[in-house]
Structure formats: structure tokens, C-alpha cells
Amino acid sequence: MYQQRKQKLIYQRDFNQRLKLLGDIRCGGWEFRCGEFIGKNLSGIQVQISLHGPDAFTVRTLCKQDASFESIWSYVHDHLRIPDTTGTTK
């Protein structure tokens, strides 16, 4: 149990460090800041999507409809080396 907790802590620290190095990113009407994707969908409604627990349906829809969101989503996942569990990878 101790080793599992230690591994998890090391992973979290590494991930948070990579997230800080990534900084704020803007693409079109979208911004990635502190692990959150913030922007407006095609209906003009403000959307905030967490990197840690995204709604897969919303992410797939935005990736299909908004090239700016798809670009920033792919860039963040590629740069942070985390798997995309929403099914948007090509």
C-alpha cells in the first residue's frame, strides 16, 4: 500500500509539473488554463471542460464541430502524454 501511494504521489507531482510548464494556451475562441478548457460552443454558450473528468459526448461533439477546440484538445493531450479516453483520437 505504501508503494502504491508513493507511486501515485510521484505521478501527480510529475503531471502537475508538466501542466505548469504547458502554461495558458489560446486557440481561436478557446483557452486552456489550469487544467480547464474554456470557450463557447457553436450555440454561443460558455463551456468549461475539465482535463481530469471530461464529458465524452461534449468533447466528441466539439472536436467534430470546432477546429479550434480539436486543435487545442489534441495539443494538450499530446504534450502532456495522457491517453484520450473520450474516443476523439484518429
PDB file of N, CA and C in Angstrom:
ATOM      1  N   MET A   1       0.825  -1.198   0.000  1.00  0.00           N
ATOM      2  CA  MET A   1       0.000   0.000   0.000  1.00  0.00           C
ATOM      3  C   MET A   1       0.870   1.264   0.000  1.00  0.00           C
ATOM      4  N   TYR A   2       1.930   1.229   0.768  1.00  0.00           N
ATOM      5  CA  TYR A   2       2.816   2.396   0.819  1.00  0.00           C
ATOM      6  C   TYR A   2       3.384   2.690  -0.562  1.00  0.00           C
ATOM      7  N   GLN A   3       3.831   1.657  -1.252  1.00  0.00           N
ATOM      8  CA  GLN A   3       4.423   1.835  -2.581  1.00  0.00           C
ATOM      9  C   GLN A   3       3.405   2.395  -3.565  1.00  0.00           C
ATOM     10  N   GLN A   4       2.170   1.944  -3.490  1.00  0.00           N
ATOM     11  CA  GLN A   4       1.117   2.479  -4.375  1.00  0.00           C
ATOM     12  C   GLN A   4       0.889   3.958  -4.114  1.00  0.00           C
ATOM     13  N   ARG A   5       0.823   4.343  -2.849  1.00  0.00           N
ATOM     14  CA  ARG A   5       0.625   5.757  -2.507  1.00  0.00           C
ATOM     15  C   ARG A   5       1.801   6.593  -2.991  1.00  0.00           C
ATOM     16  N   LYS A   6       2.992   6.068  -2.817  1.00  0.00           N
ATOM     17  CA  LYS A   6       4.199   6.780  -3.253  1.00  0.00           C
ATOM     18  C   LYS A   6       4.211   6.953  -4.770  1.00  0.00           C
ATOM     19  N   GLN A   7       3.869   5.892  -5.512  1.00  0.00           N
ATOM     20  CA  GLN A   7       3.809   5.968  -6.978  1.00  0.00           C
ATOM     21  C   GLN A   7       2.776   6.996  -7.428  1.00  0.00           C
ATOM     22  N   LYS A   8       1.621   6.987  -6.776  1.00  0.00           N
ATOM     23  CA  LYS A   8       0.563   7.928  -7.133  1.00  0.00           C
ATOM     24  C   LYS A   8       1.012   9.359  -6.871  1.00  0.00           C
ATOM     25  N   LEU A   9       1.667   9.595  -5.758  1.00  0.00           N
ATOM     26  CA  LEU A   9       2.153  10.930  -5.426  1.00  0.00           C
ATOM     27  C   LEU A   9       3.196  11.406  -6.434  1.00  0.00           C
ATOM     28  N   ILE A  10       4.101  10.513  -6.815  1.00  0.00           N
ATOM     29  CA  ILE A  10       5.124  10.865  -7.806  1.00  0.00           C
ATOM     30  C   ILE A  10       4.478  11.199  -9.149  1.00  0.00           C
ATOM     31  N   TYR A  11       3.499  10.379  -9.555  1.00  0.00           N
ATOM     32  CA  TYR A  11       2.801  10.633 -10.814  1.00  0.00           C
ATOM     33  C   TYR A  11       2.083  11.982 -10.771  1.00  0.00           C
ATOM     34  N   GLN A  12       1.396  12.279  -9.674  1.00  0.00           N
ATOM     35  CA  GLN A  12       0.668  13.546  -9.559  1.00  0.00           C
ATOM     36  C   GLN A  12       1.614  14.740  -9.612  1.00  0.00           C
ATOM     37  N   ARG A  13       2.743  14.636  -8.940  1.00  0.00           N
ATOM     38  CA  ARG A  13       3.727  15.726  -8.965  1.00  0.00           C
ATOM     39  C   ARG A  13       4.282  15.935 -10.367  1.00  0.00           C
ATOM     40  N   ASP A  14       4.601  14.837 -11.043  1.00  0.00           N
ATOM     41  CA  ASP A  14       5.109  14.923 -12.408  1.00  0.00           C
ATOM     42  C   ASP A  14       4.073  15.544 -13.344  1.00  0.00           C
ATOM     43  N   PHE A  15       2.832  15.099 -13.215  1.00  0.00           N
ATOM     44  CA  PHE A  15       1.766  15.626 -14.061  1.00  0.00           C
ATOM     45  C   PHE A  15       1.556  17.113 -13.807  1.00  0.00           C
ATOM     46  N   ASN A  16       1.514  17.509 -12.538  1.00  0.00           N
ATOM     47  CA  ASN A  16       1.321  18.925 -12.204  1.00  0.00           C
ATOM     48  C   ASN A  16       2.471  19.784 -12.711  1.00  0.00           C
ATOM     49  N   GLN A  17       3.691  19.261 -12.667  1.00  0.00           N
ATOM     50  CA  GLN A  17       4.836  19.996 -13.193  1.00  0.00           C
ATOM     51  C   GLN A  17       4.711  20.191 -14.707  1.00  0.00           C
ATOM     52  N   ARG A  18       4.337  19.126 -15.422  1.00  0.00           N
ATOM     53  CA  ARG A  18       4.156  19.245 -16.880  1.00  0.00           C
ATOM     54  C   ARG A  18       3.013  20.199 -17.210  1.00  0.00           C
ATOM     55  N   LEU A  19       1.975  20.203 -16.392  1.00  0.00           N
ATOM     56  CA  LEU A  19       0.838  21.101 -16.599  1.00  0.00           C
ATOM     57  C   LEU A  19       1.261  22.560 -16.410  1.00  0.00           C
ATOM     58  N   LYS A  20       2.079  22.833 -15.396  1.00  0.00           N
ATOM     59  CA  LYS A  20       2.581  24.194 -15.167  1.00  0.00           C
ATOM     60  C   LYS A  20       3.462  24.654 -16.312  1.00  0.00           C
ATOM     61  N   LEU A  21       4.317  23.755 -16.802  1.00  0.00           N
ATOM     62  CA  LEU A  21       5.198  24.113 -17.915  1.00  0.00           C
ATOM     63  C   LEU A  21       4.421  24.409 -19.191  1.00  0.00           C
ATOM     64  N   LEU A  22       3.285  23.758 -19.343  1.00  0.00           N
ATOM     65  CA  LEU A  22       2.453  23.978 -20.527  1.00  0.00           C
ATOM     66  C   LEU A  22       1.890  25.401 -20.541  1.00  0.00           C
ATOM     67  N   GLY A  23       1.512  25.895 -19.363  1.00  0.00           N
ATOM     68  CA  GLY A  23       1.005  27.264 -19.250  1.00  0.00           C
ATOM     69  C   GLY A  23      -0.372  27.431 -19.864  1.00  0.00           C
ATOM     70  N   ASP A  24      -0.713  28.684 -20.160  1.00  0.00           N
ATOM     71  CA  ASP A  24      -2.000  29.007 -20.780  1.00  0.00           C
ATOM     72  C   ASP A  24      -1.865  28.934 -22.295  1.00  0.00           C
ATOM     73  N   ILE A  25      -2.854  28.345 -22.935  1.00  0.00           N
ATOM     74  CA  ILE A  25      -2.848  28.194 -24.390  1.00  0.00           C
ATOM     75  C   ILE A  25      -4.147  28.758 -24.930  1.00  0.00           C
ATOM     76  N   ARG A  26      -4.064  29.505 -26.013  1.00  0.00           N
ATOM     77  CA  ARG A  26      -5.253  30.034 -26.670  1.00  0.00           C
ATOM     78  C   ARG A  26      -5.260  29.616 -28.130  1.00  0.00           C
ATOM     79  N   CYS A  27      -6.430  29.229 -28.576  1.00  0.00           N
ATOM     80  CA  CYS A  27      -6.601  28.854 -29.980  1.00  0.00           C
ATOM     81  C   CYS A  27      -8.028  29.219 -30.376  1.00  0.00           C
ATOM     82  N   GLY A  28      -8.159  30.158 -31.280  1.00  0.00           N
ATOM     83  CA  GLY A  28      -9.494  30.607 -31.674  1.00  0.00           C
ATOM     84  C   GLY A  28     -10.217  31.181 -30.471  1.00  0.00           C
ATOM     85  N   GLY A  29     -11.405  30.723 -30.232  1.00  0.00           N
ATOM     86  CA  GLY A  29     -12.182  31.191 -29.095  1.00  0.00           C
ATOM     87  C   GLY A  29     -11.996  30.350 -27.852  1.00  0.00           C
ATOM     88  N   TRP A  30     -11.007  29.460 -27.852  1.00  0.00           N
ATOM     89  CA  TRP A  30     -10.804  28.546 -26.736  1.00  0.00           C
ATOM     90  C   TRP A  30      -9.518  28.869 -25.993  1.00  0.00           C
ATOM     91  N   GLU A  31      -9.535  28.566 -24.702  1.00  0.00           N
ATOM     92  CA  GLU A  31      -8.360  28.765 -23.865  1.00  0.00           C
ATOM     93  C   GLU A  31      -8.199  27.555 -22.950  1.00  0.00           C
ATOM     94  N   PHE A  32      -6.951  27.139 -22.756  1.00  0.00           N
ATOM     95  CA  PHE A  32      -6.644  26.078 -21.801  1.00  0.00           C
ATOM     96  C   PHE A  32      -5.873  26.724 -20.669  1.00  0.00           C
ATOM     97  N   ARG A  33      -6.429  26.624 -19.456  1.00  0.00           N
ATOM     98  CA  ARG A  33      -5.811  27.257 -18.296  1.00  0.00           C
ATOM     99  C   ARG A  33      -6.040  26.386 -17.064  1.00  0.00           C
ATOM    100  N   CYS A  34      -4.966  26.044 -16.367  1.00  0.00           N
ATOM    101  CA  CYS A  34      -5.035  25.290 -15.100  1.00  0.00           C
ATOM    102  C   CYS A  34      -5.855  24.005 -15.221  1.00  0.00           C
ATOM    103  N   GLY A  35      -5.704  23.291 -16.324  1.00  0.00           N
ATOM    104  CA  GLY A  35      -6.404  22.014 -16.483  1.00  0.00           C
ATOM    105  C   GLY A  35      -7.840  22.136 -16.951  1.00  0.00           C
ATOM    106  N   GLU A  36      -8.246  23.319 -17.408  1.00  0.00           N
ATOM    107  CA  GLU A  36      -9.620  23.548 -17.865  1.00  0.00           C
ATOM    108  C   GLU A  36      -9.611  24.100 -19.289  1.00  0.00           C
ATOM    109  N   PHE A  37     -10.508  23.582 -20.113  1.00  0.00           N
ATOM    110  CA  PHE A  37     -10.744  24.120 -21.453  1.00  0.00           C
ATOM    111  C   PHE A  37     -11.934  25.065 -21.335  1.00  0.00           C
ATOM    112  N   ILE A  38     -11.749  26.320 -21.701  1.00  0.00           N
ATOM    113  CA  ILE A  38     -12.797  27.327 -21.534  1.00  0.00           C
ATOM    114  C   ILE A  38     -13.059  27.977 -22.893  1.00  0.00           C
ATOM    115  N   GLY A  39     -14.324  28.042 -23.272  1.00  0.00           N
ATOM    116  CA  GLY A  39     -14.695  28.659 -24.533  1.00  0.00           C
ATOM    117  C   GLY A  39     -16.192  28.606 -24.739  1.00  0.00           C
ATOM    118  N   LYS A  40     -16.607  28.946 -25.945  1.00  0.00           N
ATOM    119  CA  LYS A  40     -18.032  28.916 -26.276  1.00  0.00           C
ATOM    120  C   LYS A  40     -18.269  27.886 -27.364  1.00  0.00           C
ATOM    121  N   ASN A  41     -19.380  27.154 -27.217  1.00  0.00           N
ATOM    122  CA  ASN A  41     -19.723  26.194 -28.258  1.00  0.00           C
ATOM    123  C   ASN A  41     -20.369  26.939 -29.422  1.00  0.00           C
ATOM    124  N   LEU A  42     -20.802  26.220 -30.441  1.00  0.00           N
ATOM    125  CA  LEU A  42     -21.354  26.870 -31.627  1.00  0.00           C
ATOM    126  C   LEU A  42     -22.659  27.596 -31.359  1.00  0.00           C
ATOM    127  N   SER A  43     -23.323  27.280 -30.246  1.00  0.00           N
ATOM    128  CA  SER A  43     -24.560  27.974 -29.864  1.00  0.00           C
ATOM    129  C   SER A  43     -24.261  29.250 -29.092  1.00  0.00           C
ATOM    130  N   GLY A  44     -22.988  29.499 -28.797  1.00  0.00           N
ATOM    131  CA  GLY A  44     -22.604  30.691 -28.061  1.00  0.00           C
ATOM    132  C   GLY A  44     -22.698  30.535 -26.550  1.00  0.00           C
ATOM    133  N   ILE A  45     -22.851  29.316 -26.077  1.00  0.00           N
ATOM    134  CA  ILE A  45     -22.958  29.057 -24.654  1.00  0.00           C
ATOM    135  C   ILE A  45     -21.563  28.792 -24.089  1.00  0.00           C
ATOM    136  N   GLN A  46     -21.243  29.451 -22.970  1.00  0.00           N
ATOM    137  CA  GLN A  46     -19.950  29.265 -22.320  1.00  0.00           C
ATOM    138  C   GLN A  46     -19.806  27.823 -21.831  1.00  0.00           C
ATOM    139  N   VAL A  47     -18.683  27.199 -22.175  1.00  0.00           N
ATOM    140  CA  VAL A  47     -18.422  25.805 -21.807  1.00  0.00           C
ATOM    141  C   VAL A  47     -17.094  25.738 -21.066  1.00  0.00           C
ATOM    142  N   GLN A  48     -17.065  24.959 -19.986  1.00  0.00           N
ATOM    143  CA  GLN A  48     -15.827  24.717 -19.247  1.00  0.00           C
ATOM    144  C   GLN A  48     -15.688  23.215 -19.061  1.00  0.00           C
ATOM    145  N   ILE A  49     -14.606  22.666 -19.624  1.00  0.00           N
ATOM    146  CA  ILE A  49     -14.388  21.229 -19.602  1.00  0.00           C
ATOM    147  C   ILE A  49     -13.093  20.937 -18.858  1.00  0.00           C
ATOM    148  N   SER A  50     -13.182  20.077 -17.864  1.00  0.00           N
ATOM    149  CA  SER A  50     -12.017  19.719 -17.069  1.00  0.00           C
ATOM    150  C   SER A  50     -11.187  18.669 -17.791  1.00  0.00           C
ATOM    151  N   LEU A  51      -9.889  18.803 -17.699  1.00  0.00           N
ATOM    152  CA  LEU A  51      -8.985  17.812 -18.264  1.00  0.00           C
ATOM    153  C   LEU A  51      -9.086  16.499 -17.499  1.00  0.00           C
ATOM    154  N   HIS A  52      -9.421  16.564 -16.228  1.00  0.00           N
ATOM    155  CA  HIS A  52      -9.421  15.386 -15.367  1.00  0.00           C
ATOM    156  C   HIS A  52     -10.689  14.545 -15.476  1.00  0.00           C
ATOM    157  N   GLY A  53     -11.804  15.135 -15.875  1.00  0.00           N
ATOM    158  CA  GLY A  53     -13.033  14.361 -15.969  1.00  0.00           C
ATOM    159  C   GLY A  53     -13.951  14.908 -17.043  1.00  0.00           C
ATOM    160  N   PRO A  54     -13.516  14.867 -18.301  1.00  0.00           N
ATOM    161  CA  PRO A  54     -14.325  15.465 -19.363  1.00  0.00           C
ATOM    162  C   PRO A  54     -15.560  14.640 -19.695  1.00  0.00           C
ATOM    163  N   ASP A  55     -16.594  15.326 -20.141  1.00  0.00           N
ATOM    164  CA  ASP A  55     -17.797  14.671 -20.642  1.00  0.00           C
ATOM    165  C   ASP A  55     -17.502  14.222 -22.075  1.00  0.00           C
ATOM    166  N   ALA A  56     -17.429  12.924 -22.291  1.00  0.00           N
ATOM    167  CA  ALA A  56     -17.008  12.381 -23.578  1.00  0.00           C
ATOM    168  C   ALA A  56     -17.898  12.848 -24.727  1.00  0.00           C
ATOM    169  N   PHE A  57     -19.210  12.902 -24.522  1.00  0.00           N
ATOM    170  CA  PHE A  57     -20.123  13.317 -25.587  1.00  0.00           C
ATOM    171  C   PHE A  57     -19.848  14.767 -25.991  1.00  0.00           C
ATOM    172  N   THR A  58     -19.691  15.642 -25.014  1.00  0.00           N
ATOM    173  CA  THR A  58     -19.434  17.055 -25.302  1.00  0.00           C
ATOM    174  C   THR A  58     -18.114  17.218 -26.043  1.00  0.00           C
ATOM    175  N   VAL A  59     -17.086  16.516 -25.605  1.00  0.00           N
ATOM    176  CA  VAL A  59     -15.772  16.622 -26.236  1.00  0.00           C
ATOM    177  C   VAL A  59     -15.815  16.120 -27.672  1.00  0.00           C
ATOM    178  N   ARG A  60     -16.443  14.956 -27.909  1.00  0.00           N
ATOM    179  CA  ARG A  60     -16.543  14.436 -29.284  1.00  0.00           C
ATOM    180  C   ARG A  60     -17.293  15.398 -30.183  1.00  0.00           C
ATOM    181  N   THR A  61     -18.383  15.967 -29.681  1.00  0.00           N
ATOM    182  CA  THR A  61     -19.170  16.912 -30.475  1.00  0.00           C
ATOM    183  C   THR A  61     -18.365  18.160 -30.811  1.00  0.00           C
ATOM    184  N   LEU A  62     -17.687  18.722 -29.815  1.00  0.00           N
ATOM    185  CA  LEU A  62     -16.885  19.920 -30.057  1.00  0.00           C
ATOM    186  C   LEU A  62     -15.733  19.652 -31.013  1.00  0.00           C
ATOM    187  N   CYS A  63     -15.100  18.484 -30.892  1.00  0.00           N
ATOM    188  CA  CYS A  63     -14.000  18.146 -31.811  1.00  0.00           C
ATOM    189  C   CYS A  63     -14.477  18.040 -33.253  1.00  0.00           C
ATOM    190  N   LYS A  64     -15.687  17.547 -33.448  1.00  0.00           N
ATOM    191  CA  LYS A  64     -16.239  17.437 -34.796  1.00  0.00           C
ATOM    192  C   LYS A  64     -16.647  18.791 -35.358  1.00  0.00           C
ATOM    193  N   GLN A  65     -17.155  19.679 -34.509  1.00  0.00           N
ATOM    194  CA  GLN A  65     -17.739  20.932 -34.967  1.00  0.00           C
ATOM    195  C   GLN A  65     -16.795  22.129 -34.924  1.00  0.00           C
ATOM    196  N   ASP A  66     -15.778  22.095 -34.079  1.00  0.00           N
ATOM    197  CA  ASP A  66     -14.940  23.272 -33.855  1.00  0.00           C
ATOM    198  C   ASP A  66     -13.462  22.891 -34.002  1.00  0.00           C
ATOM    199  N   ALA A  67     -12.859  23.340 -35.084  1.00  0.00           N
ATOM    200  CA  ALA A  67     -11.461  23.003 -35.360  1.00  0.00           C
ATOM    201  C   ALA A  67     -10.518  23.587 -34.310  1.00  0.00           C
ATOM    202  N   SER A  68     -10.846  24.739 -33.763  1.00  0.00           N
ATOM    203  CA  SER A  68     -10.005  25.349 -32.725  1.00  0.00           C
ATOM    204  C   SER A  68      -9.983  24.484 -31.475  1.00  0.00           C
ATOM    205  N   PHE A  69     -11.144  24.011 -31.062  1.00  0.00           N
ATOM    206  CA  PHE A  69     -11.198  23.151 -29.880  1.00  0.00           C
ATOM    207  C   PHE A  69     -10.454  21.851 -30.135  1.00  0.00           C
ATOM    208  N   GLU A  70     -10.645  21.256 -31.294  1.00  0.00           N
ATOM    209  CA  GLU A  70      -9.980  19.996 -31.619  1.00  0.00           C
ATOM    210  C   GLU A  70      -8.466  20.172 -31.603  1.00  0.00           C
ATOM    211  N   SER A  71      -7.986  21.304 -32.109  1.00  0.00           N
ATOM    212  CA  SER A  71      -6.541  21.568 -32.128  1.00  0.00           C
ATOM    213  C   SER A  71      -5.971  21.684 -30.723  1.00  0.00           C
ATOM    214  N   ILE A  72      -6.639  22.459 -29.896  1.00  0.00           N
ATOM    215  CA  ILE A  72      -6.141  22.660 -28.538  1.00  0.00           C
ATOM    216  C   ILE A  72      -6.268  21.380 -27.713  1.00  0.00           C
ATOM    217  N   TRP A  73      -7.344  20.632 -27.898  1.00  0.00           N
ATOM    218  CA  TRP A  73      -7.549  19.356 -27.189  1.00  0.00           C
ATOM    219  C   TRP A  73      -6.432  18.369 -27.543  1.00  0.00           C
ATOM    220  N   SER A  74      -6.154  18.226 -28.834  1.00  0.00           N
ATOM    221  CA  SER A  74      -5.116  17.293 -29.285  1.00  0.00           C
ATOM    222  C   SER A  74      -3.733  17.730 -28.811  1.00  0.00           C
ATOM    223  N   TYR A  75      -3.455  19.010 -28.905  1.00  0.00           N
ATOM    224  CA  TYR A  75      -2.147  19.519 -28.497  1.00  0.00           C
ATOM    225  C   TYR A  75      -1.889  19.246 -27.016  1.00  0.00           C
ATOM    226  N   VAL A  76      -2.859  19.542 -26.180  1.00  0.00           N
ATOM    227  CA  VAL A  76      -2.697  19.337 -24.737  1.00  0.00           C
ATOM    228  C   VAL A  76      -2.491  17.862 -24.423  1.00  0.00           C
ATOM    229  N   HIS A  77      -3.297  16.987 -25.014  1.00  0.00           N
ATOM    230  CA  HIS A  77      -3.155  15.557 -24.742  1.00  0.00           C
ATOM    231  C   HIS A  77      -1.827  15.007 -25.256  1.00  0.00           C
ATOM    232  N   ASP A  78      -1.393  15.461 -26.418  1.00  0.00           N
ATOM    233  CA  ASP A  78      -0.108  15.003 -26.953  1.00  0.00           C
ATOM    234  C   ASP A  78       1.051  15.509 -26.093  1.00  0.00           C
ATOM    235  N   HIS A  79       0.984  16.779 -25.698  1.00  0.00           N
ATOM    236  CA  HIS A  79       2.070  17.378 -24.939  1.00  0.00           C
ATOM    237  C   HIS A  79       2.175  16.788 -23.532  1.00  0.00           C
ATOM    238  N   LEU A  80       1.045  16.544 -22.896  1.00  0.00           N
ATOM    239  CA  LEU A  80       1.053  16.001 -21.538  1.00  0.00           C
ATOM    240  C   LEU A  80       1.200  14.481 -21.504  1.00  0.00           C
ATOM    241  N   ARG A  81       1.144  13.847 -22.685  1.00  0.00           N
ATOM    242  CA  ARG A  81       1.290  12.388 -22.805  1.00  0.00           C
ATOM    243  C   ARG A  81       0.265  11.642 -21.955  1.00  0.00           C
ATOM    244  N   ILE A  82      -0.975  12.068 -22.064  1.00  0.00           N
ATOM    245  CA  ILE A  82      -2.041  11.357 -21.358  1.00  0.00           C
ATOM    246  C   ILE A  82      -2.986  10.745 -22.388  1.00  0.00           C
ATOM    247  N   PRO A  83      -3.551   9.603 -22.081  1.00  0.00           N
ATOM    248  CA  PRO A  83      -4.468   8.974 -23.039  1.00  0.00           C
ATOM    249  C   PRO A  83      -5.781   9.738 -23.138  1.00  0.00           C
ATOM    250  N   ASP A  84      -6.317   9.798 -24.322  1.00  0.00           N
ATOM    251  CA  ASP A  84      -7.606  10.449 -24.550  1.00  0.00           C
ATOM    252  C   ASP A  84      -8.683   9.368 -24.427  1.00  0.00           C
ATOM    253  N   THR A  85      -9.438   9.413 -23.356  1.00  0.00           N
ATOM    254  CA  THR A  85     -10.455   8.393 -23.096  1.00  0.00           C
ATOM    255  C   THR A  85     -11.823   8.746 -23.650  1.00  0.00           C
ATOM    256  N   THR A  86     -11.920   9.843 -24.401  1.00  0.00           N
ATOM    257  CA  THR A  86     -13.209  10.265 -24.941  1.00  0.00           C
ATOM    258  C   THR A  86     -13.488   9.686 -26.318  1.00  0.00           C
ATOM    259  N   GLY A  87     -12.491   9.050 -26.918  1.00  0.00           N
ATOM    260  CA  GLY A  87     -12.705   8.445 -28.230  1.00  0.00           C
ATOM    261  C   GLY A  87     -12.561   9.426 -29.381  1.00  0.00           C
ATOM    262  N   THR A  88     -11.826  10.527 -29.175  1.00  0.00           N
ATOM    263  CA  THR A  88     -11.674  11.522 -30.232  1.00  0.00           C
ATOM    264  C   THR A  88     -10.387  11.358 -31.035  1.00  0.00           C
ATOM    265  N   THR A  89      -9.506  10.452 -30.606  1.00  0.00           N
ATOM    266  CA  THR A  89      -8.257  10.267 -31.329  1.00  0.00           C
ATOM    267  C   THR A  89      -8.531   9.600 -32.673  1.00  0.00           C
ATOM    268  N   LYS A  90      -7.722   9.971 -33.631  1.00  0.00           N
ATOM    269  CA  LYS A  90      -7.922   9.491 -35.000  1.00  0.00           C
ATOM    270  C   LYS A  90      -7.074   8.284 -35.266  1.00  0.00           C
TER     271      LYS A  90
END
